N, C-alpha and C. Protein backbone atom coordinates (compact mmCIF):
# COMPACT_ATOMS: atom_id res chain seq x y z
N MET A 1 -17.55 8.77 4.87
CA MET A 1 -16.86 7.52 5.09
C MET A 1 -15.44 7.64 4.54
N THR A 2 -14.47 7.24 5.31
CA THR A 2 -13.08 7.33 4.92
C THR A 2 -12.54 5.94 4.62
N VAL A 3 -11.91 5.82 3.47
CA VAL A 3 -11.27 4.57 3.09
C VAL A 3 -9.78 4.83 3.03
N TYR A 4 -9.00 4.01 3.71
CA TYR A 4 -7.57 4.19 3.72
C TYR A 4 -6.89 2.84 3.69
N PHE A 5 -5.64 2.85 3.36
CA PHE A 5 -4.84 1.65 3.28
C PHE A 5 -4.28 1.33 4.66
N ASP A 6 -4.52 0.13 5.14
CA ASP A 6 -4.02 -0.30 6.44
C ASP A 6 -2.74 -1.10 6.22
N PRO A 7 -1.57 -0.54 6.52
CA PRO A 7 -0.31 -1.24 6.25
C PRO A 7 -0.13 -2.51 7.06
N ARG A 8 -0.81 -2.62 8.18
CA ARG A 8 -0.68 -3.84 8.99
C ARG A 8 -1.25 -5.04 8.26
N LYS A 9 -2.31 -4.84 7.47
CA LYS A 9 -2.92 -5.94 6.75
C LYS A 9 -2.02 -6.44 5.62
N ALA A 10 -1.29 -5.55 4.97
CA ALA A 10 -0.42 -5.92 3.86
C ALA A 10 0.81 -6.69 4.33
N ASN A 11 1.24 -6.49 5.55
CA ASN A 11 2.45 -7.13 6.06
C ASN A 11 2.18 -8.42 6.82
N LYS A 12 1.03 -9.00 6.62
CA LYS A 12 0.68 -10.23 7.31
C LYS A 12 1.55 -11.38 6.80
N PRO A 13 2.22 -12.12 7.67
CA PRO A 13 3.06 -13.24 7.22
C PRO A 13 2.25 -14.33 6.53
N VAL A 14 2.90 -15.05 5.64
CA VAL A 14 2.24 -16.09 4.87
C VAL A 14 1.72 -17.20 5.79
N GLU A 15 2.44 -17.46 6.87
CA GLU A 15 2.03 -18.53 7.77
C GLU A 15 0.69 -18.23 8.45
N GLU A 16 0.37 -16.95 8.64
CA GLU A 16 -0.86 -16.58 9.32
C GLU A 16 -2.04 -16.40 8.37
N MET A 17 -1.82 -16.50 7.06
CA MET A 17 -2.88 -16.32 6.09
C MET A 17 -3.75 -17.56 6.00
N THR A 18 -5.03 -17.34 5.77
CA THR A 18 -5.92 -18.47 5.52
C THR A 18 -5.73 -18.90 4.07
N GLU A 19 -6.31 -20.03 3.71
CA GLU A 19 -6.18 -20.54 2.35
C GLU A 19 -6.82 -19.58 1.35
N GLU A 20 -7.92 -18.97 1.73
CA GLU A 20 -8.60 -18.02 0.85
C GLU A 20 -7.73 -16.77 0.62
N GLU A 21 -7.10 -16.28 1.68
CA GLU A 21 -6.22 -15.11 1.54
C GLU A 21 -5.00 -15.43 0.68
N LYS A 22 -4.47 -16.66 0.81
CA LYS A 22 -3.34 -17.07 -0.03
C LYS A 22 -3.76 -17.11 -1.50
N ASN A 23 -4.95 -17.64 -1.76
CA ASN A 23 -5.44 -17.70 -3.14
C ASN A 23 -5.68 -16.31 -3.71
N GLN A 24 -6.21 -15.39 -2.88
CA GLN A 24 -6.43 -14.03 -3.34
C GLN A 24 -5.11 -13.34 -3.64
N GLU A 25 -4.11 -13.54 -2.80
CA GLU A 25 -2.80 -12.94 -3.02
C GLU A 25 -2.15 -13.49 -4.28
N LEU A 26 -2.28 -14.79 -4.50
CA LEU A 26 -1.73 -15.40 -5.70
C LEU A 26 -2.45 -14.88 -6.94
N GLY A 27 -3.76 -14.70 -6.85
CA GLY A 27 -4.53 -14.14 -7.95
C GLY A 27 -4.12 -12.73 -8.27
N LYS A 28 -3.91 -11.91 -7.24
CA LYS A 28 -3.45 -10.53 -7.45
C LYS A 28 -2.10 -10.51 -8.14
N GLN A 29 -1.20 -11.38 -7.70
CA GLN A 29 0.14 -11.42 -8.30
C GLN A 29 0.06 -11.85 -9.76
N ALA A 30 -0.81 -12.81 -10.07
CA ALA A 30 -0.96 -13.27 -11.45
C ALA A 30 -1.51 -12.16 -12.35
N VAL A 31 -2.52 -11.44 -11.86
CA VAL A 31 -3.11 -10.35 -12.65
C VAL A 31 -2.09 -9.24 -12.85
N GLN A 32 -1.31 -8.92 -11.82
CA GLN A 32 -0.29 -7.88 -11.94
C GLN A 32 0.78 -8.29 -12.94
N ALA A 33 1.18 -9.54 -12.93
CA ALA A 33 2.22 -10.01 -13.86
C ALA A 33 1.72 -9.95 -15.30
N ILE A 34 0.49 -10.37 -15.53
CA ILE A 34 -0.08 -10.35 -16.89
C ILE A 34 -0.25 -8.91 -17.36
N ALA A 35 -0.75 -8.05 -16.49
CA ALA A 35 -0.92 -6.64 -16.86
C ALA A 35 0.43 -5.99 -17.15
N ASN A 36 1.43 -6.29 -16.34
CA ASN A 36 2.76 -5.73 -16.54
C ASN A 36 3.35 -6.22 -17.86
N LEU A 37 3.20 -7.49 -18.15
CA LEU A 37 3.75 -8.06 -19.38
C LEU A 37 3.02 -7.54 -20.61
N THR A 38 1.77 -7.14 -20.47
CA THR A 38 0.98 -6.64 -21.60
C THR A 38 1.15 -5.14 -21.78
N LEU A 39 1.09 -4.38 -20.72
CA LEU A 39 1.08 -2.93 -20.82
C LEU A 39 2.46 -2.29 -20.95
N SER A 40 3.47 -2.87 -20.34
CA SER A 40 4.80 -2.27 -20.39
C SER A 40 5.35 -2.18 -21.82
N PRO A 41 5.27 -3.23 -22.65
CA PRO A 41 5.72 -3.08 -24.03
C PRO A 41 4.88 -2.07 -24.83
N LEU A 42 3.60 -1.98 -24.50
CA LEU A 42 2.74 -1.01 -25.19
C LEU A 42 3.19 0.42 -24.88
N VAL A 43 3.47 0.70 -23.62
CA VAL A 43 3.96 2.02 -23.23
C VAL A 43 5.32 2.28 -23.86
N LEU A 44 6.20 1.29 -23.84
CA LEU A 44 7.51 1.43 -24.48
C LEU A 44 7.36 1.75 -25.95
N MET A 45 6.47 1.06 -26.65
CA MET A 45 6.25 1.29 -28.07
C MET A 45 5.76 2.71 -28.32
N LEU A 46 4.79 3.17 -27.53
CA LEU A 46 4.23 4.51 -27.72
C LEU A 46 5.27 5.60 -27.46
N VAL A 47 6.04 5.46 -26.40
CA VAL A 47 7.06 6.45 -26.08
C VAL A 47 8.16 6.44 -27.14
N TRP A 48 8.60 5.26 -27.53
CA TRP A 48 9.64 5.15 -28.56
C TRP A 48 9.17 5.81 -29.85
N ASN A 49 7.96 5.46 -30.30
CA ASN A 49 7.47 5.98 -31.57
C ASN A 49 7.19 7.48 -31.51
N ALA A 50 6.95 8.03 -30.34
CA ALA A 50 6.73 9.47 -30.21
C ALA A 50 8.03 10.24 -30.21
N CYS A 51 9.10 9.66 -29.72
CA CYS A 51 10.35 10.41 -29.53
C CYS A 51 11.47 10.01 -30.48
N ILE A 52 11.83 8.77 -30.51
CA ILE A 52 13.07 8.31 -31.14
C ILE A 52 13.12 8.54 -32.65
N PRO A 53 12.08 8.22 -33.43
CA PRO A 53 12.19 8.45 -34.88
C PRO A 53 12.39 9.92 -35.24
N GLY A 54 11.77 10.83 -34.51
CA GLY A 54 11.93 12.25 -34.80
C GLY A 54 13.28 12.79 -34.39
N ILE A 55 13.82 12.30 -33.30
CA ILE A 55 15.09 12.82 -32.78
C ILE A 55 16.28 12.19 -33.51
N PHE A 56 16.30 10.87 -33.61
CA PHE A 56 17.47 10.17 -34.14
C PHE A 56 17.26 9.59 -35.53
N GLY A 57 16.05 9.61 -36.04
CA GLY A 57 15.78 9.07 -37.37
C GLY A 57 15.77 7.56 -37.43
N LEU A 58 15.57 6.90 -36.30
CA LEU A 58 15.51 5.44 -36.28
C LEU A 58 14.10 4.97 -36.63
N ALA A 59 13.97 3.69 -36.88
CA ALA A 59 12.68 3.12 -37.27
C ALA A 59 11.71 3.09 -36.09
N THR A 60 10.41 3.03 -36.43
CA THR A 60 9.40 2.89 -35.39
C THR A 60 9.31 1.43 -34.96
N LEU A 61 8.75 1.19 -33.79
CA LEU A 61 8.60 -0.16 -33.26
C LEU A 61 7.15 -0.62 -33.36
N GLY A 62 6.98 -1.91 -33.64
CA GLY A 62 5.68 -2.53 -33.51
C GLY A 62 5.56 -3.12 -32.11
N TYR A 63 4.39 -3.68 -31.81
CA TYR A 63 4.18 -4.21 -30.46
C TYR A 63 5.15 -5.34 -30.15
N TRP A 64 5.35 -6.27 -31.08
CA TRP A 64 6.19 -7.43 -30.80
C TRP A 64 7.67 -7.06 -30.72
N SER A 65 8.08 -6.04 -31.48
CA SER A 65 9.45 -5.54 -31.35
C SER A 65 9.64 -4.91 -29.98
N ALA A 66 8.63 -4.17 -29.53
CA ALA A 66 8.70 -3.56 -28.20
C ALA A 66 8.71 -4.65 -27.13
N MET A 67 7.96 -5.72 -27.33
CA MET A 67 7.96 -6.84 -26.38
C MET A 67 9.35 -7.45 -26.29
N GLY A 68 10.00 -7.67 -27.42
CA GLY A 68 11.36 -8.21 -27.42
C GLY A 68 12.35 -7.30 -26.73
N LEU A 69 12.25 -5.99 -27.01
CA LEU A 69 13.13 -5.03 -26.36
C LEU A 69 12.88 -4.97 -24.87
N TYR A 70 11.63 -5.07 -24.47
CA TYR A 70 11.28 -5.07 -23.04
C TYR A 70 11.86 -6.31 -22.34
N ILE A 71 11.74 -7.46 -22.96
CA ILE A 71 12.24 -8.70 -22.35
C ILE A 71 13.77 -8.66 -22.23
N VAL A 72 14.44 -8.20 -23.28
CA VAL A 72 15.90 -8.11 -23.23
C VAL A 72 16.34 -7.14 -22.14
N SER A 73 15.64 -6.00 -22.04
CA SER A 73 16.02 -5.03 -21.01
C SER A 73 15.75 -5.57 -19.61
N ARG A 74 14.69 -6.36 -19.43
CA ARG A 74 14.42 -6.97 -18.12
C ARG A 74 15.50 -7.98 -17.76
N ILE A 75 16.00 -8.70 -18.75
CA ILE A 75 17.06 -9.67 -18.48
C ILE A 75 18.36 -8.96 -18.11
N LEU A 76 18.72 -7.94 -18.87
CA LEU A 76 19.99 -7.25 -18.66
C LEU A 76 19.98 -6.31 -17.47
N LEU A 77 18.86 -5.69 -17.17
CA LEU A 77 18.80 -4.66 -16.14
C LEU A 77 17.95 -5.07 -14.92
N ARG A 78 17.88 -6.34 -14.65
CA ARG A 78 17.07 -6.82 -13.53
C ARG A 78 17.66 -6.34 -12.21
N LYS A 79 16.79 -5.85 -11.34
CA LYS A 79 17.24 -5.48 -10.00
C LYS A 79 16.88 -6.59 -9.04
N TYR A 80 17.79 -6.93 -8.20
CA TYR A 80 17.58 -8.00 -7.24
C TYR A 80 17.30 -7.40 -5.88
N ASP A 81 16.12 -7.71 -5.33
CA ASP A 81 15.73 -7.19 -4.02
C ASP A 81 16.16 -8.12 -2.92
């Protein structure tokens, strides 16, 4: 059995979606946003603490410091599609 991604299904316009499909899409977006907001600062913290203190002698970051740095960088470096 072959499972593949059908690009035609992903490009379905919002007007043609049923209410259930709209709710599923909104749920996916919410889960992705929460996961991104939770995991991105964690990855930033781990990479920073593995590299920066040894190379430059700067302090290590905690999770909330990494969260603040992540938010500031998202504000300053936002890409507009």
